[in-house]
């Protein structure tokens, strides 16, 4: 398995500090267009499909929105970062 097969792309949406991962089928460009339209007019609800939930968000001219696309490993780490083995410097 090469590196390209070991990663996948996820899209994260953050609205006013509340984050969610978008579903893989979500048309990100369409979502961006709908958010922009809503921000230009009267406050409007925009529906967003996440990977685990569907939410309606009230968008205003003051709503802070960030969309990021990230590559993540398909294989989960075997040890959680906060459970990494302790390195005993005295044993060196």
C-alpha atoms as a PDB file:
ATOM      1  CA  UNK A   1       0.000   0.000   0.000  1.00  0.00           C
ATOM      2  CA  UNK A   2       1.531   3.315  -1.027  1.00  0.00           C
ATOM      3  CA  UNK A   3       1.127   6.614   0.856  1.00  0.00           C
ATOM      4  CA  UNK A   4      -1.763   7.781  -1.384  1.00  0.00           C
ATOM      5  CA  UNK A   5      -3.761   4.684  -0.414  1.00  0.00           C
ATOM      6  CA  UNK A   6      -2.987   5.244   3.277  1.00  0.00           C
ATOM      7  CA  UNK A   7      -4.632   8.687   3.452  1.00  0.00           C
ATOM      8  CA  UNK A   8      -8.071  10.109   2.837  1.00  0.00           C
ATOM      9  CA  UNK A   9      -9.428  13.634   2.622  1.00  0.00           C
ATOM     10  CA  UNK A  10     -11.889  15.061   5.121  1.00  0.00           C
ATOM     11  CA  UNK A  11     -13.580  18.449   5.049  1.00  0.00           C
ATOM     12  CA  UNK A  12     -14.147  20.299   8.306  1.00  0.00           C
ATOM     13  CA  UNK A  13     -16.624  23.130   8.767  1.00  0.00           C
ATOM     14  CA  UNK A  14     -16.377  25.546  11.673  1.00  0.00           C
ATOM     15  CA  UNK A  15     -19.146  28.057  12.312  1.00  0.00           C
ATOM     16  CA  UNK A  16     -18.696  30.519  15.171  1.00  0.00           C
ATOM     17  CA  UNK A  17     -16.347  28.109  16.943  1.00  0.00           C
ATOM     18  CA  UNK A  18     -18.504  24.987  16.530  1.00  0.00           C
ATOM     19  CA  UNK A  19     -16.853  22.377  14.300  1.00  0.00           C
ATOM     20  CA  UNK A  20     -18.090  19.352  12.393  1.00  0.00           C
ATOM     21  CA  UNK A  21     -16.785  17.008   9.715  1.00  0.00           C
ATOM     22  CA  UNK A  22     -18.805  17.201   6.502  1.00  0.00           C
ATOM     23  CA  UNK A  23     -20.137  14.080   4.844  1.00  0.00           C
ATOM     24  CA  UNK A  24     -18.057  12.796   1.942  1.00  0.00           C
ATOM     25  CA  UNK A  25     -20.948  13.455  -0.462  1.00  0.00           C
ATOM     26  CA  UNK A  26     -21.241  17.125   0.497  1.00  0.00           C
ATOM     27  CA  UNK A  27     -20.708  19.603  -2.355  1.00  0.00           C
ATOM     28  CA  UNK A  28     -18.358  22.038  -0.613  1.00  0.00           C
ATOM     29  CA  UNK A  29     -18.490  24.672  -3.357  1.00  0.00           C
ATOM     30  CA  UNK A  30     -22.301  24.670  -3.240  1.00  0.00           C
ATOM     31  CA  UNK A  31     -22.212  24.993   0.559  1.00  0.00           C
ATOM     32  CA  UNK A  32     -19.823  27.942   0.301  1.00  0.00           C
ATOM     33  CA  UNK A  33     -22.120  29.609  -2.242  1.00  0.00           C
ATOM     34  CA  UNK A  34     -25.187  29.107  -0.010  1.00  0.00           C
ATOM     35  CA  UNK A  35     -23.360  30.521   3.035  1.00  0.00           C
ATOM     36  CA  UNK A  36     -22.193  33.543   1.055  1.00  0.00           C
ATOM     37  CA  UNK A  37     -25.741  34.193  -0.203  1.00  0.00           C
ATOM     38  CA  UNK A  38     -27.176  33.924   3.297  1.00  0.00           C
ATOM     39  CA  UNK A  39     -24.533  36.276   4.731  1.00  0.00           C
ATOM     40  CA  UNK A  40     -25.392  38.957   2.161  1.00  0.00           C
ATOM     41  CA  UNK A  41     -29.117  39.075   2.978  1.00  0.00           C
ATOM     42  CA  UNK A  42     -31.420  38.702   5.956  1.00  0.00           C
ATOM     43  CA  UNK A  43     -30.458  36.024   8.509  1.00  0.00           C
ATOM     44  CA  UNK A  44     -31.124  32.669   6.851  1.00  0.00           C
ATOM     45  CA  UNK A  45     -30.837  29.039   7.898  1.00  0.00           C
ATOM     46  CA  UNK A  46     -28.434  26.888   5.855  1.00  0.00           C
ATOM     47  CA  UNK A  47     -28.629  23.087   6.084  1.00  0.00           C
ATOM     48  CA  UNK A  48     -25.333  21.233   6.490  1.00  0.00           C
ATOM     49  CA  UNK A  49     -24.860  17.440   6.328  1.00  0.00           C
ATOM     50  CA  UNK A  50     -22.114  16.210   8.601  1.00  0.00           C
ATOM     51  CA  UNK A  51     -20.683  12.718   8.788  1.00  0.00           C
ATOM     52  CA  UNK A  52     -22.819  11.983  11.889  1.00  0.00           C
ATOM     53  CA  UNK A  53     -25.512  14.677  11.964  1.00  0.00           C
ATOM     54  CA  UNK A  54     -27.518  17.144   9.944  1.00  0.00           C
ATOM     55  CA  UNK A  55     -27.797  20.670  11.259  1.00  0.00           C
ATOM     56  CA  UNK A  56     -29.392  23.928  10.235  1.00  0.00           C
ATOM     57  CA  UNK A  57     -27.262  26.976  10.950  1.00  0.00           C
ATOM     58  CA  UNK A  58     -28.538  30.541  11.120  1.00  0.00           C
ATOM     59  CA  UNK A  59     -26.168  32.576   8.964  1.00  0.00           C
ATOM     60  CA  UNK A  60     -25.891  36.344   9.372  1.00  0.00           C
ATOM     61  CA  UNK A  61     -23.457  38.953   8.110  1.00  0.00           C
ATOM     62  CA  UNK A  62     -21.493  38.466  11.369  1.00  0.00           C
ATOM     63  CA  UNK A  63     -21.243  34.656  11.272  1.00  0.00           C
ATOM     64  CA  UNK A  64     -17.647  33.410  11.236  1.00  0.00           C
ATOM     65  CA  UNK A  65     -17.209  30.405   8.919  1.00  0.00           C
ATOM     66  CA  UNK A  66     -14.083  28.389   8.156  1.00  0.00           C
ATOM     67  CA  UNK A  67     -13.831  25.390   5.831  1.00  0.00           C
ATOM     68  CA  UNK A  68     -10.692  23.261   5.733  1.00  0.00           C
ATOM     69  CA  UNK A  69      -9.749  20.212   3.683  1.00  0.00           C
ATOM     70  CA  UNK A  70      -7.267  17.865   5.341  1.00  0.00           C
ATOM     71  CA  UNK A  71      -5.520  14.631   4.512  1.00  0.00           C
ATOM     72  CA  UNK A  72      -5.636  12.108   7.347  1.00  0.00           C
ATOM     73  CA  UNK A  73      -4.265   8.610   7.757  1.00  0.00           C
ATOM     74  CA  UNK A  74      -6.743   5.830   7.021  1.00  0.00           C
ATOM     75  CA  UNK A  75      -5.072   3.640   9.620  1.00  0.00           C
ATOM     76  CA  UNK A  76      -5.762   4.673  13.197  1.00  0.00           C
ATOM     77  CA  UNK A  77      -2.740   4.945  15.471  1.00  0.00           C
ATOM     78  CA  UNK A  78      -2.201   1.910  17.687  1.00  0.00           C
ATOM     79  CA  UNK A  79      -1.501   4.083  20.736  1.00  0.00           C
ATOM     80  CA  UNK A  80      -3.359   7.261  21.607  1.00  0.00           C
ATOM     81  CA  UNK A  81      -1.031  10.302  21.861  1.00  0.00           C
ATOM     82  CA  UNK A  82      -1.707  10.744  25.584  1.00  0.00           C
ATOM     83  CA  UNK A  83      -0.977   7.041  26.192  1.00  0.00           C
ATOM     84  CA  UNK A  84       2.402   6.926  24.465  1.00  0.00           C
ATOM     85  CA  UNK A  85       4.967   4.850  26.327  1.00  0.00           C
ATOM     86  CA  UNK A  86       7.088   6.811  28.776  1.00  0.00           C
ATOM     87  CA  UNK A  87      10.700   7.095  27.724  1.00  0.00           C
ATOM     88  CA  UNK A  88      12.991   6.226  30.636  1.00  0.00           C
ATOM     89  CA  UNK A  89      16.094   8.300  30.151  1.00  0.00           C
ATOM     90  CA  UNK A  90      17.970   6.397  32.858  1.00  0.00           C
ATOM     91  CA  UNK A  91      17.881   3.199  30.812  1.00  0.00           C
ATOM     92  CA  UNK A  92      20.009   4.638  28.005  1.00  0.00           C
END
